[in-house]
Amino acid sequence: MEFELIDHEYIQLNQLLKLLGLADTGGEANQRIVDGEVKVNNEVEYQKRKKLRQGDTILFNRKLIKIT
């Protein structure tokens, strides 16, 4: 799956999960991140508001997302 940044330099990790429907709420997205369920660029990421930029990859719930 790809997510294209349009008119923005970055998107926050918790916003991305909610926007793509991978988390029902922002609170759920935050909890999943804090619980270590999300990898950014093959490393477990605990920062809820991690800034994702072009070229970053996110692995969550067996779904791979590439930021373009």
N, C-alpha and C. Protein backbone atom coordinates (compact mmCIF):
# COMPACT_ATOMS: atom_id res chain seq x y z
N MET A 1 0.85 -1.16 0.00
CA MET A 1 0.00 0.00 0.00
C MET A 1 0.90 1.23 0.00
N GLU A 2 0.48 2.27 -0.71
CA GLU A 2 1.24 3.51 -0.74
C GLU A 2 0.39 4.65 -0.21
N PHE A 3 1.05 5.58 0.43
CA PHE A 3 0.39 6.81 0.88
C PHE A 3 1.19 7.96 0.30
N GLU A 4 0.52 8.80 -0.48
CA GLU A 4 1.20 9.91 -1.14
C GLU A 4 1.02 11.19 -0.33
N LEU A 5 2.14 11.80 0.01
CA LEU A 5 2.10 13.10 0.68
C LEU A 5 1.83 14.16 -0.39
N ILE A 6 0.74 14.87 -0.22
CA ILE A 6 0.39 15.93 -1.17
C ILE A 6 0.35 17.24 -0.40
N ASP A 7 1.15 18.19 -0.84
CA ASP A 7 1.21 19.52 -0.23
C ASP A 7 1.65 19.52 1.23
N HIS A 8 2.28 18.44 1.68
CA HIS A 8 2.78 18.38 3.05
C HIS A 8 4.17 17.75 3.05
N GLU A 9 4.99 18.17 3.99
CA GLU A 9 6.35 17.64 4.11
C GLU A 9 6.34 16.28 4.82
N TYR A 10 5.36 16.10 5.73
CA TYR A 10 5.31 14.87 6.53
C TYR A 10 3.88 14.62 7.01
N ILE A 11 3.65 13.41 7.55
CA ILE A 11 2.42 13.08 8.26
C ILE A 11 2.84 12.37 9.54
N GLN A 12 2.10 12.61 10.61
CA GLN A 12 2.41 11.95 11.88
C GLN A 12 1.91 10.51 11.84
N LEU A 13 2.66 9.64 12.49
CA LEU A 13 2.37 8.20 12.49
C LEU A 13 0.95 7.91 12.96
N ASN A 14 0.52 8.48 14.08
CA ASN A 14 -0.82 8.19 14.58
C ASN A 14 -1.90 8.69 13.62
N GLN A 15 -1.66 9.81 12.96
CA GLN A 15 -2.62 10.32 11.98
C GLN A 15 -2.72 9.39 10.78
N LEU A 16 -1.59 8.85 10.36
CA LEU A 16 -1.59 7.93 9.21
C LEU A 16 -2.42 6.69 9.48
N LEU A 17 -2.23 6.08 10.64
CA LEU A 17 -2.98 4.87 10.98
C LEU A 17 -4.48 5.13 10.99
N LYS A 18 -4.87 6.25 11.53
CA LYS A 18 -6.29 6.59 11.58
C LYS A 18 -6.82 6.92 10.18
N LEU A 19 -6.08 7.71 9.43
CA LEU A 19 -6.50 8.12 8.09
C LEU A 19 -6.70 6.93 7.15
N LEU A 20 -5.81 5.93 7.26
CA LEU A 20 -5.92 4.75 6.40
C LEU A 20 -6.91 3.72 6.93
N GLY A 21 -7.54 4.00 8.07
CA GLY A 21 -8.52 3.08 8.62
C GLY A 21 -7.91 1.87 9.30
N LEU A 22 -6.63 1.94 9.62
CA LEU A 22 -5.96 0.84 10.30
C LEU A 22 -6.21 0.89 11.80
N ALA A 23 -6.67 2.04 12.28
CA ALA A 23 -7.10 2.21 13.67
C ALA A 23 -8.42 2.99 13.62
N ASP A 24 -9.37 2.59 14.43
CA ASP A 24 -10.68 3.23 14.41
C ASP A 24 -10.66 4.64 14.99
N THR A 25 -9.80 4.87 15.96
CA THR A 25 -9.72 6.17 16.61
C THR A 25 -8.27 6.57 16.79
N GLY A 26 -8.06 7.85 17.09
CA GLY A 26 -6.72 8.32 17.39
C GLY A 26 -6.18 7.67 18.65
N GLY A 27 -7.06 7.45 19.62
CA GLY A 27 -6.65 6.78 20.86
C GLY A 27 -6.18 5.37 20.62
N GLU A 28 -6.88 4.66 19.73
CA GLU A 28 -6.46 3.29 19.41
C GLU A 28 -5.11 3.31 18.70
N ALA A 29 -4.94 4.23 17.77
CA ALA A 29 -3.67 4.35 17.06
C ALA A 29 -2.53 4.61 18.05
N ASN A 30 -2.76 5.53 18.97
CA ASN A 30 -1.73 5.84 19.97
C ASN A 30 -1.40 4.62 20.81
N GLN A 31 -2.40 3.88 21.24
CA GLN A 31 -2.17 2.70 22.08
C GLN A 31 -1.38 1.63 21.33
N ARG A 32 -1.73 1.40 20.07
CA ARG A 32 -1.01 0.40 19.27
C ARG A 32 0.46 0.77 19.12
N ILE A 33 0.72 2.06 18.94
CA ILE A 33 2.10 2.52 18.81
C ILE A 33 2.85 2.32 20.12
N VAL A 34 2.27 2.76 21.23
CA VAL A 34 2.90 2.63 22.55
C VAL A 34 3.15 1.17 22.90
N ASP A 35 2.25 0.28 22.44
CA ASP A 35 2.40 -1.15 22.70
C ASP A 35 3.46 -1.82 21.83
N GLY A 36 4.09 -1.07 20.93
CA GLY A 36 5.17 -1.61 20.11
C GLY A 36 4.70 -2.43 18.93
N GLU A 37 3.49 -2.16 18.45
CA GLU A 37 2.92 -2.94 17.35
C GLU A 37 3.25 -2.38 15.97
N VAL A 38 3.96 -1.25 15.92
CA VAL A 38 4.22 -0.57 14.65
C VAL A 38 5.73 -0.47 14.43
N LYS A 39 6.14 -0.78 13.20
CA LYS A 39 7.54 -0.61 12.82
C LYS A 39 7.63 0.47 11.76
N VAL A 40 8.63 1.32 11.91
CA VAL A 40 8.95 2.34 10.91
C VAL A 40 10.36 2.06 10.45
N ASN A 41 10.51 1.87 9.15
CA ASN A 41 11.82 1.55 8.57
C ASN A 41 12.48 0.37 9.30
N ASN A 42 11.68 -0.68 9.53
CA ASN A 42 12.11 -1.94 10.13
C ASN A 42 12.52 -1.85 11.60
N GLU A 43 12.17 -0.76 12.28
CA GLU A 43 12.46 -0.61 13.71
C GLU A 43 11.16 -0.34 14.45
N VAL A 44 10.97 -0.98 15.59
CA VAL A 44 9.78 -0.71 16.40
C VAL A 44 9.78 0.77 16.78
N GLU A 45 8.65 1.41 16.55
CA GLU A 45 8.53 2.85 16.81
C GLU A 45 7.54 3.09 17.94
N TYR A 46 7.94 3.88 18.93
CA TYR A 46 7.08 4.18 20.08
C TYR A 46 6.61 5.63 20.10
N GLN A 47 7.11 6.46 19.17
CA GLN A 47 6.71 7.86 19.12
C GLN A 47 5.38 7.98 18.39
N LYS A 48 4.35 8.42 19.10
CA LYS A 48 3.02 8.53 18.50
C LYS A 48 3.00 9.54 17.36
N ARG A 49 3.75 10.60 17.53
CA ARG A 49 3.72 11.67 16.53
C ARG A 49 4.97 11.67 15.64
N LYS A 50 5.56 10.51 15.47
CA LYS A 50 6.73 10.37 14.60
C LYS A 50 6.41 10.96 13.23
N LYS A 51 7.27 11.83 12.76
CA LYS A 51 7.06 12.46 11.45
C LYS A 51 7.52 11.51 10.35
N LEU A 52 6.59 11.14 9.48
CA LEU A 52 6.88 10.24 8.37
C LEU A 52 7.04 11.07 7.11
N ARG A 53 8.11 10.77 6.38
CA ARG A 53 8.42 11.51 5.16
C ARG A 53 8.55 10.55 3.98
N GLN A 54 8.66 11.11 2.79
CA GLN A 54 8.81 10.30 1.59
C GLN A 54 9.95 9.30 1.78
N GLY A 55 9.69 8.05 1.38
CA GLY A 55 10.69 7.01 1.48
C GLY A 55 10.56 6.14 2.72
N ASP A 56 9.81 6.61 3.73
CA ASP A 56 9.62 5.82 4.95
C ASP A 56 8.68 4.65 4.67
N THR A 57 8.91 3.56 5.38
CA THR A 57 8.01 2.41 5.30
C THR A 57 7.48 2.10 6.69
N ILE A 58 6.22 1.70 6.73
CA ILE A 58 5.55 1.40 7.99
C ILE A 58 4.99 -0.01 7.89
N LEU A 59 5.22 -0.81 8.90
CA LEU A 59 4.65 -2.16 8.97
C LEU A 59 3.74 -2.22 10.19
N PHE A 60 2.47 -2.51 9.93
CA PHE A 60 1.49 -2.58 11.00
C PHE A 60 0.43 -3.61 10.64
N ASN A 61 0.20 -4.55 11.55
CA ASN A 61 -0.86 -5.55 11.37
C ASN A 61 -0.72 -6.27 10.02
N ARG A 62 0.50 -6.65 9.70
CA ARG A 62 0.83 -7.36 8.46
C ARG A 62 0.57 -6.56 7.19
N LYS A 63 0.46 -5.24 7.33
CA LYS A 63 0.30 -4.37 6.17
C LYS A 63 1.53 -3.48 6.06
N LEU A 64 2.05 -3.37 4.85
CA LEU A 64 3.22 -2.55 4.58
C LEU A 64 2.77 -1.29 3.85
N ILE A 65 3.13 -0.14 4.39
CA ILE A 65 2.77 1.14 3.79
C ILE A 65 4.04 1.87 3.44
N LYS A 66 4.10 2.39 2.22
CA LYS A 66 5.25 3.18 1.80
C LYS A 66 4.79 4.61 1.58
N ILE A 67 5.54 5.55 2.15
CA ILE A 67 5.24 6.97 1.99
C ILE A 67 5.91 7.45 0.70
N THR A 68 5.10 8.01 -0.19
CA THR A 68 5.63 8.51 -1.46
C THR A 68 5.35 9.99 -1.62
